Amino acid sequence: MADEKTYPMTMDGKIKLEHELEDLRLNQRPKIIERIKIARSYGDLSENSEYESAKNEQSMLESRIATIEHMLQYAEVVDNANVESDVVSVGKKVTFKELPDEEPEEYQIVGAAEADPMSGKISNDSPIAKGLLGHKLNEEVTIEIPAGNMKVKIIEIK
């Protein structure tokens, strides 16, 4: 059997997924089941848009539950205890500036399950994170991105 893919994540990210899963199971699922029950009471299901809508929503919910369960089953909580403090790794916040003279940008590198670029969390699978991982403070790094290459200098790691 092939090795299962692991999902690197911070402890905070794992806890957040656990809470989301609990909410989906205990709150959202019963609401949808009740909507389906009410829609069924309207009679003919072949032309019942409320029933179809509720069933579609149930399908999406069950898919999300299965996805989260899978990610949690194969979660790999990142432990930076053995990683040097000046080395970029998953879980750390990195501030860099594009050379020659762009404004500094700060991102936390997280697992794909936690990624939220709008709040400054980028996936370890993203081109920028891949280019930064393993590099040290004050290092100049050339990162391959879809638009070409960008040269950056790492100015802070937390």
N, C-alpha and C. Protein backbone atom coordinates (compact mmCIF):
# COMPACT_ATOMS: atom_id res chain seq x y z
N MET A 1 0.85 -1.19 0.00
CA MET A 1 0.00 0.00 0.00
C MET A 1 0.89 1.25 0.00
N ALA A 2 0.53 2.20 -0.80
CA ALA A 2 1.31 3.44 -0.91
C ALA A 2 1.23 4.23 0.39
N ASP A 3 2.30 4.94 0.67
CA ASP A 3 2.28 5.80 1.85
C ASP A 3 1.24 6.89 1.67
N GLU A 4 0.49 7.15 2.74
CA GLU A 4 -0.51 8.21 2.70
C GLU A 4 0.19 9.56 2.78
N LYS A 5 -0.38 10.54 2.13
CA LYS A 5 0.15 11.89 2.19
C LYS A 5 -0.09 12.43 3.59
N THR A 6 0.91 13.08 4.15
CA THR A 6 0.73 13.71 5.45
C THR A 6 0.37 15.17 5.23
N TYR A 7 -0.25 15.75 6.24
CA TYR A 7 -0.68 17.14 6.17
C TYR A 7 0.02 17.91 7.28
N PRO A 8 1.13 18.58 6.95
CA PRO A 8 1.81 19.36 7.99
C PRO A 8 0.93 20.51 8.42
N MET A 9 0.89 20.75 9.73
CA MET A 9 0.09 21.86 10.26
C MET A 9 0.60 22.24 11.63
N THR A 10 0.29 23.46 12.01
CA THR A 10 0.63 23.90 13.35
C THR A 10 -0.40 23.32 14.32
N MET A 11 -0.07 23.35 15.59
CA MET A 11 -1.02 22.86 16.60
C MET A 11 -2.29 23.70 16.55
N ASP A 12 -2.16 25.01 16.38
CA ASP A 12 -3.34 25.89 16.27
C ASP A 12 -4.22 25.49 15.09
N GLY A 13 -3.58 25.18 13.98
CA GLY A 13 -4.33 24.76 12.79
C GLY A 13 -5.06 23.47 13.01
N LYS A 14 -4.43 22.54 13.71
CA LYS A 14 -5.08 21.25 14.01
C LYS A 14 -6.29 21.46 14.91
N ILE A 15 -6.12 22.29 15.92
CA ILE A 15 -7.22 22.57 16.85
C ILE A 15 -8.37 23.25 16.11
N LYS A 16 -8.04 24.17 15.21
CA LYS A 16 -9.07 24.86 14.43
C LYS A 16 -9.85 23.87 13.57
N LEU A 17 -9.15 22.92 12.93
CA LEU A 17 -9.83 21.90 12.12
C LEU A 17 -10.71 20.99 13.00
N GLU A 18 -10.23 20.64 14.18
CA GLU A 18 -11.01 19.81 15.10
C GLU A 18 -12.30 20.52 15.50
N HIS A 19 -12.21 21.83 15.75
CA HIS A 19 -13.41 22.60 16.11
C HIS A 19 -14.38 22.70 14.94
N GLU A 20 -13.82 22.90 13.74
CA GLU A 20 -14.69 22.96 12.56
C GLU A 20 -15.41 21.63 12.36
N LEU A 21 -14.70 20.53 12.52
CA LEU A 21 -15.29 19.20 12.37
C LEU A 21 -16.41 18.98 13.39
N GLU A 22 -16.16 19.38 14.62
CA GLU A 22 -17.17 19.24 15.67
C GLU A 22 -18.42 20.06 15.33
N ASP A 23 -18.22 21.29 14.85
CA ASP A 23 -19.36 22.13 14.47
C ASP A 23 -20.14 21.52 13.32
N LEU A 24 -19.43 21.01 12.32
CA LEU A 24 -20.11 20.40 11.17
C LEU A 24 -20.94 19.19 11.60
N ARG A 25 -20.36 18.37 12.46
CA ARG A 25 -21.06 17.15 12.90
C ARG A 25 -22.23 17.45 13.84
N LEU A 26 -21.99 18.32 14.82
CA LEU A 26 -22.98 18.52 15.88
C LEU A 26 -23.99 19.62 15.60
N ASN A 27 -23.65 20.58 14.77
CA ASN A 27 -24.57 21.70 14.52
C ASN A 27 -25.10 21.72 13.08
N GLN A 28 -24.17 21.71 12.11
CA GLN A 28 -24.59 21.87 10.72
C GLN A 28 -25.33 20.65 10.18
N ARG A 29 -24.82 19.46 10.47
CA ARG A 29 -25.45 18.23 9.96
C ARG A 29 -26.90 18.10 10.43
N PRO A 30 -27.20 18.27 11.72
CA PRO A 30 -28.60 18.16 12.16
C PRO A 30 -29.52 19.20 11.51
N LYS A 31 -28.99 20.40 11.26
CA LYS A 31 -29.81 21.44 10.61
C LYS A 31 -30.19 21.02 9.20
N ILE A 32 -29.24 20.46 8.47
CA ILE A 32 -29.51 20.03 7.10
C ILE A 32 -30.47 18.84 7.09
N ILE A 33 -30.29 17.93 8.01
CA ILE A 33 -31.19 16.77 8.10
C ILE A 33 -32.62 17.25 8.35
N GLU A 34 -32.76 18.23 9.20
CA GLU A 34 -34.09 18.79 9.48
C GLU A 34 -34.66 19.48 8.23
N ARG A 35 -33.84 20.21 7.49
CA ARG A 35 -34.29 20.85 6.25
C ARG A 35 -34.77 19.81 5.25
N ILE A 36 -34.05 18.70 5.15
CA ILE A 36 -34.44 17.63 4.23
C ILE A 36 -35.77 17.03 4.66
N LYS A 37 -35.92 16.80 5.95
CA LYS A 37 -37.17 16.23 6.48
C LYS A 37 -38.36 17.14 6.17
N ILE A 38 -38.18 18.43 6.38
CA ILE A 38 -39.26 19.39 6.11
C ILE A 38 -39.57 19.43 4.61
N ALA A 39 -38.53 19.46 3.79
CA ALA A 39 -38.73 19.52 2.34
C ALA A 39 -39.42 18.26 1.82
N ARG A 40 -39.12 17.11 2.41
CA ARG A 40 -39.78 15.86 2.00
C ARG A 40 -41.29 15.91 2.28
N SER A 41 -41.64 16.64 3.33
CA SER A 41 -43.06 16.70 3.70
C SER A 41 -43.88 17.50 2.68
N TYR A 42 -43.22 18.22 1.79
CA TYR A 42 -43.93 19.01 0.78
C TYR A 42 -44.47 18.16 -0.36
N GLY A 43 -44.11 16.88 -0.37
CA GLY A 43 -44.68 16.00 -1.39
C GLY A 43 -43.70 15.65 -2.49
N ASP A 44 -44.16 15.71 -3.72
CA ASP A 44 -43.43 15.28 -4.91
C ASP A 44 -41.98 15.78 -4.91
N LEU A 45 -41.04 14.85 -4.78
CA LEU A 45 -39.62 15.22 -4.70
C LEU A 45 -39.03 15.58 -6.06
N SER A 46 -39.66 15.15 -7.15
CA SER A 46 -39.10 15.39 -8.48
C SER A 46 -39.10 16.87 -8.84
N GLU A 47 -39.99 17.65 -8.27
CA GLU A 47 -40.05 19.09 -8.57
C GLU A 47 -39.90 19.92 -7.30
N ASN A 48 -39.19 19.38 -6.33
CA ASN A 48 -39.05 20.04 -5.04
C ASN A 48 -37.65 20.67 -4.95
N SER A 49 -37.56 21.96 -5.27
CA SER A 49 -36.26 22.63 -5.29
C SER A 49 -35.66 22.75 -3.88
N GLU A 50 -36.50 22.86 -2.87
CA GLU A 50 -35.98 22.95 -1.51
C GLU A 50 -35.30 21.64 -1.11
N TYR A 51 -35.90 20.53 -1.52
CA TYR A 51 -35.32 19.23 -1.23
C TYR A 51 -33.98 19.07 -1.97
N GLU A 52 -33.96 19.43 -3.25
CA GLU A 52 -32.72 19.34 -4.03
C GLU A 52 -31.62 20.21 -3.43
N SER A 53 -31.97 21.41 -3.04
CA SER A 53 -31.01 22.34 -2.44
C SER A 53 -30.44 21.76 -1.15
N ALA A 54 -31.31 21.24 -0.30
CA ALA A 54 -30.86 20.66 0.97
C ALA A 54 -29.99 19.43 0.74
N LYS A 55 -30.33 18.60 -0.23
CA LYS A 55 -29.53 17.40 -0.53
C LYS A 55 -28.16 17.81 -1.07
N ASN A 56 -28.10 18.83 -1.92
CA ASN A 56 -26.82 19.33 -2.42
C ASN A 56 -25.96 19.86 -1.28
N GLU A 57 -26.58 20.61 -0.39
CA GLU A 57 -25.87 21.15 0.76
C GLU A 57 -25.36 20.01 1.66
N GLN A 58 -26.18 18.98 1.83
CA GLN A 58 -25.77 17.82 2.62
C GLN A 58 -24.56 17.13 1.98
N SER A 59 -24.57 17.01 0.67
CA SER A 59 -23.47 16.39 -0.05
C SER A 59 -22.17 17.17 0.16
N MET A 60 -22.24 18.48 0.06
CA MET A 60 -21.05 19.32 0.27
C MET A 60 -20.56 19.22 1.71
N LEU A 61 -21.49 19.21 2.65
CA LEU A 61 -21.14 19.11 4.07
C LEU A 61 -20.44 17.78 4.34
N GLU A 62 -21.00 16.68 3.85
CA GLU A 62 -20.41 15.36 4.08
C GLU A 62 -19.03 15.26 3.42
N SER A 63 -18.87 15.90 2.28
CA SER A 63 -17.57 15.92 1.62
C SER A 63 -16.55 16.68 2.46
N ARG A 64 -16.95 17.80 3.02
CA ARG A 64 -16.05 18.59 3.87
C ARG A 64 -15.69 17.81 5.13
N ILE A 65 -16.66 17.14 5.72
CA ILE A 65 -16.41 16.32 6.91
C ILE A 65 -15.38 15.24 6.59
N ALA A 66 -15.56 14.55 5.46
CA ALA A 66 -14.63 13.49 5.07
C ALA A 66 -13.22 14.05 4.84
N THR A 67 -13.15 15.21 4.21
CA THR A 67 -11.85 15.84 3.95
C THR A 67 -11.14 16.18 5.25
N ILE A 68 -11.85 16.78 6.19
CA ILE A 68 -11.25 17.16 7.47
C ILE A 68 -10.83 15.92 8.24
N GLU A 69 -11.68 14.89 8.25
CA GLU A 69 -11.33 13.65 8.95
C GLU A 69 -10.04 13.07 8.38
N HIS A 70 -9.92 13.08 7.06
CA HIS A 70 -8.72 12.55 6.40
C HIS A 70 -7.49 13.39 6.77
N MET A 71 -7.63 14.71 6.73
CA MET A 71 -6.49 15.57 7.06
C MET A 71 -6.06 15.37 8.51
N LEU A 72 -7.03 15.23 9.41
CA LEU A 72 -6.69 15.04 10.82
C LEU A 72 -6.06 13.67 11.05
N GLN A 73 -6.54 12.67 10.33
CA GLN A 73 -5.99 11.32 10.47
C GLN A 73 -4.51 11.30 10.08
N TYR A 74 -4.15 12.07 9.07
CA TYR A 74 -2.77 12.09 8.58
C TYR A 74 -2.06 13.41 8.90
N ALA A 75 -2.55 14.09 9.94
CA ALA A 75 -1.93 15.36 10.34
C ALA A 75 -0.55 15.11 10.90
N GLU A 76 0.34 16.00 10.57
CA GLU A 76 1.70 15.97 11.11
C GLU A 76 1.93 17.34 11.74
N VAL A 77 1.81 17.38 13.08
CA VAL A 77 1.96 18.66 13.77
C VAL A 77 3.43 19.05 13.73
N VAL A 78 3.67 20.25 13.26
CA VAL A 78 5.03 20.76 13.08
C VAL A 78 5.63 21.11 14.43
N ASP A 79 6.81 20.59 14.67
CA ASP A 79 7.54 20.87 15.90
C ASP A 79 8.86 21.51 15.51
N ASN A 80 9.00 22.79 15.81
CA ASN A 80 10.21 23.51 15.44
C ASN A 80 11.27 23.50 16.54
N ALA A 81 11.09 22.64 17.54
CA ALA A 81 12.03 22.60 18.66
C ALA A 81 13.45 22.28 18.21
N ASN A 82 13.60 21.43 17.20
CA ASN A 82 14.93 21.03 16.75
C ASN A 82 15.42 21.80 15.53
N VAL A 83 14.67 22.85 15.15
CA VAL A 83 15.06 23.66 13.99
C VAL A 83 15.69 24.95 14.50
N GLU A 84 16.80 25.32 13.89
CA GLU A 84 17.47 26.56 14.29
C GLU A 84 16.50 27.73 14.16
N SER A 85 16.62 28.70 15.07
CA SER A 85 15.69 29.83 15.08
C SER A 85 15.84 30.74 13.88
N ASP A 86 16.99 30.69 13.20
CA ASP A 86 17.20 31.57 12.05
C ASP A 86 17.01 30.85 10.71
N VAL A 87 16.31 29.71 10.73
CA VAL A 87 16.05 28.94 9.51
C VAL A 87 14.55 28.94 9.23
N VAL A 88 14.18 29.20 7.99
CA VAL A 88 12.77 29.21 7.60
C VAL A 88 12.25 27.78 7.59
N SER A 89 11.11 27.56 8.30
CA SER A 89 10.48 26.25 8.32
C SER A 89 8.97 26.43 8.50
N VAL A 90 8.23 25.35 8.30
CA VAL A 90 6.77 25.39 8.44
C VAL A 90 6.45 25.80 9.88
N GLY A 91 5.49 26.71 10.01
CA GLY A 91 5.06 27.20 11.32
C GLY A 91 5.66 28.55 11.66
N LYS A 92 6.73 28.94 10.99
CA LYS A 92 7.38 30.21 11.30
C LYS A 92 6.86 31.35 10.43
N LYS A 93 6.98 32.57 10.99
CA LYS A 93 6.65 33.77 10.22
C LYS A 93 7.94 34.29 9.62
N VAL A 94 7.86 34.64 8.35
CA VAL A 94 9.03 35.10 7.62
C VAL A 94 8.73 36.47 7.03
N THR A 95 9.64 37.39 7.26
CA THR A 95 9.55 38.71 6.64
C THR A 95 10.68 38.80 5.63
N PHE A 96 10.30 39.19 4.42
CA PHE A 96 11.31 39.34 3.36
C PHE A 96 10.94 40.54 2.53
N LYS A 97 11.94 41.02 1.79
CA LYS A 97 11.63 42.09 0.84
C LYS A 97 12.19 41.69 -0.52
N GLU A 98 11.40 42.01 -1.53
CA GLU A 98 11.84 41.72 -2.89
C GLU A 98 12.91 42.72 -3.25
N LEU A 99 13.98 42.24 -3.84
CA LEU A 99 15.09 43.11 -4.22
C LEU A 99 14.84 43.70 -5.60
N PRO A 100 15.24 44.90 -5.88
CA PRO A 100 16.18 45.65 -5.10
C PRO A 100 15.58 46.45 -3.94
N ASP A 101 14.38 46.98 -4.06
CA ASP A 101 13.93 47.87 -2.97
C ASP A 101 12.42 47.88 -2.76
N GLU A 102 11.82 46.73 -2.67
CA GLU A 102 10.39 46.66 -2.43
C GLU A 102 10.10 46.74 -0.92
N GLU A 103 8.80 46.92 -0.59
CA GLU A 103 8.38 46.95 0.81
C GLU A 103 8.43 45.54 1.39
N PRO A 104 8.75 45.42 2.69
CA PRO A 104 8.78 44.10 3.33
C PRO A 104 7.39 43.45 3.34
N GLU A 105 7.39 42.13 3.19
CA GLU A 105 6.17 41.33 3.26
C GLU A 105 6.37 40.28 4.33
N GLU A 106 5.30 39.97 5.09
CA GLU A 106 5.40 38.96 6.14
C GLU A 106 4.35 37.89 5.92
N TYR A 107 4.78 36.63 5.98
CA TYR A 107 3.88 35.50 5.85
C TYR A 107 4.25 34.44 6.87
N GLN A 108 3.23 33.73 7.33
CA GLN A 108 3.49 32.54 8.12
C GLN A 108 3.37 31.36 7.17
N ILE A 109 4.35 30.47 7.21
CA ILE A 109 4.31 29.29 6.35
C ILE A 109 3.61 28.18 7.12
N VAL A 110 2.51 27.70 6.56
CA VAL A 110 1.69 26.69 7.21
C VAL A 110 1.41 25.56 6.23
N GLY A 111 0.81 24.49 6.72
CA GLY A 111 0.39 23.41 5.84
C GLY A 111 -0.78 23.86 4.98
N ALA A 112 -1.03 23.14 3.91
CA ALA A 112 -2.08 23.50 2.97
C ALA A 112 -3.45 23.62 3.64
N ALA A 113 -3.70 22.80 4.66
CA ALA A 113 -4.99 22.82 5.35
C ALA A 113 -5.25 24.14 6.05
N GLU A 114 -4.21 24.86 6.42
CA GLU A 114 -4.34 26.12 7.15
C GLU A 114 -4.19 27.35 6.28
N ALA A 115 -3.76 27.18 5.05
CA ALA A 115 -3.41 28.31 4.21
C ALA A 115 -4.56 29.30 4.06
N ASP A 116 -4.24 30.57 4.22
CA ASP A 116 -5.19 31.66 4.05
C ASP A 116 -4.38 32.91 3.70
N PRO A 117 -4.05 33.06 2.41
CA PRO A 117 -3.18 34.17 2.00
C PRO A 117 -3.70 35.55 2.42
N MET A 118 -5.01 35.71 2.50
CA MET A 118 -5.56 37.02 2.87
C MET A 118 -5.22 37.38 4.32
N SER A 119 -4.94 36.37 5.16
CA SER A 119 -4.54 36.66 6.53
C SER A 119 -3.06 36.38 6.76
N GLY A 120 -2.30 36.30 5.66
CA GLY A 120 -0.86 36.17 5.78
C GLY A 120 -0.35 34.76 6.03
N LYS A 121 -1.16 33.75 5.74
CA LYS A 121 -0.72 32.36 5.92
C LYS A 121 -0.65 31.70 4.56
N ILE A 122 0.58 31.30 4.17
CA ILE A 122 0.75 30.67 2.87
C ILE A 122 1.12 29.20 3.03
N SER A 123 0.67 28.40 2.08
CA SER A 123 0.92 26.96 2.10
C SER A 123 2.39 26.64 1.87
N ASN A 124 2.86 25.63 2.57
CA ASN A 124 4.23 25.18 2.36
C ASN A 124 4.43 24.63 0.95
N ASP A 125 3.33 24.38 0.23
CA ASP A 125 3.40 23.90 -1.16
C ASP A 125 3.43 25.05 -2.17
N SER A 126 3.25 26.29 -1.71
CA SER A 126 3.23 27.44 -2.62
C SER A 126 4.65 27.73 -3.11
N PRO A 127 4.76 28.32 -4.30
CA PRO A 127 6.10 28.62 -4.83
C PRO A 127 6.95 29.49 -3.90
N ILE A 128 6.35 30.49 -3.28
CA ILE A 128 7.12 31.38 -2.40
C ILE A 128 7.62 30.61 -1.19
N ALA A 129 6.74 29.84 -0.54
CA ALA A 129 7.16 29.08 0.63
C ALA A 129 8.23 28.05 0.26
N LYS A 130 8.03 27.34 -0.84
CA LYS A 130 9.03 26.35 -1.28
C LYS A 130 10.39 27.01 -1.48
N GLY A 131 10.37 28.22 -2.03
CA GLY A 131 11.62 28.93 -2.27
C GLY A 131 12.30 29.41 -1.00
N LEU A 132 11.52 29.66 0.06
CA LEU A 132 12.08 30.18 1.31
C LEU A 132 12.49 29.08 2.29
N LEU A 133 11.80 27.94 2.25
CA LEU A 133 12.05 26.88 3.23
C LEU A 133 13.53 26.46 3.25
N GLY A 134 14.06 26.38 4.46
CA GLY A 134 15.44 25.93 4.64
C GLY A 134 16.48 27.03 4.56
N HIS A 135 16.07 28.22 4.14
CA HIS A 135 17.03 29.33 4.03
C HIS A 135 17.11 30.08 5.35
N LYS A 136 18.18 30.86 5.49
CA LYS A 136 18.47 31.52 6.76
C LYS A 136 18.25 33.03 6.71
N LEU A 137 18.22 33.60 7.90
CA LEU A 137 18.10 35.04 8.08
C LEU A 137 19.19 35.77 7.31
N ASN A 138 18.82 36.87 6.67
CA ASN A 138 19.72 37.73 5.87
C ASN A 138 20.20 37.09 4.57
N GLU A 139 19.68 35.93 4.24
CA GLU A 139 20.07 35.27 3.00
C GLU A 139 19.28 35.88 1.84
N GLU A 140 19.93 35.99 0.69
CA GLU A 140 19.25 36.41 -0.53
C GLU A 140 18.89 35.14 -1.30
N VAL A 141 17.62 35.05 -1.70
CA VAL A 141 17.10 33.82 -2.31
C VAL A 141 16.40 34.16 -3.62
N THR A 142 16.63 33.36 -4.64
CA THR A 142 15.90 33.49 -5.89
C THR A 142 14.77 32.47 -5.87
N ILE A 143 13.55 32.96 -6.00
CA ILE A 143 12.35 32.11 -5.92
C ILE A 143 11.73 32.01 -7.30
N GLU A 144 11.46 30.78 -7.71
CA GLU A 144 10.81 30.54 -8.99
C GLU A 144 9.30 30.63 -8.78
N ILE A 145 8.68 31.60 -9.44
CA ILE A 145 7.23 31.77 -9.36
C ILE A 145 6.67 31.67 -10.78
N PRO A 146 5.36 31.48 -10.92
CA PRO A 146 4.79 31.34 -12.27
C PRO A 146 5.14 32.49 -13.23
N ALA A 147 5.30 33.69 -12.69
CA ALA A 147 5.60 34.84 -13.55
C ALA A 147 7.08 34.98 -13.86
N GLY A 148 7.90 34.08 -13.37
CA GLY A 148 9.34 34.15 -13.60
C GLY A 148 10.09 33.91 -12.30
N ASN A 149 11.15 34.67 -12.08
CA ASN A 149 11.92 34.56 -10.85
C ASN A 149 11.83 35.86 -10.08
N MET A 150 11.86 35.75 -8.75
CA MET A 150 11.93 36.95 -7.92
C MET A 150 13.06 36.75 -6.91
N LYS A 151 13.81 37.80 -6.70
CA LYS A 151 14.92 37.73 -5.76
C LYS A 151 14.50 38.46 -4.50
N VAL A 152 14.66 37.77 -3.35
CA VAL A 152 14.25 38.36 -2.08
C VAL A 152 15.38 38.23 -1.07
N LYS A 153 15.29 39.07 -0.04
CA LYS A 153 16.20 38.97 1.10
C LYS A 153 15.36 38.72 2.34
N ILE A 154 15.72 37.68 3.09
CA ILE A 154 15.00 37.33 4.32
C ILE A 154 15.49 38.28 5.41
N ILE A 155 14.57 39.07 5.96
CA ILE A 155 14.98 40.06 6.95
C ILE A 155 14.53 39.74 8.38
N GLU A 156 13.61 38.80 8.54
CA GLU A 156 13.20 38.40 9.90
C GLU A 156 12.53 37.03 9.86
N ILE A 157 12.80 36.22 10.90
CA ILE A 157 12.17 34.92 11.05
C ILE A 157 11.71 34.82 12.50
N LYS A 158 10.42 34.52 12.70
CA LYS A 158 9.90 34.38 14.07
C LYS A 158 9.22 33.04 14.22
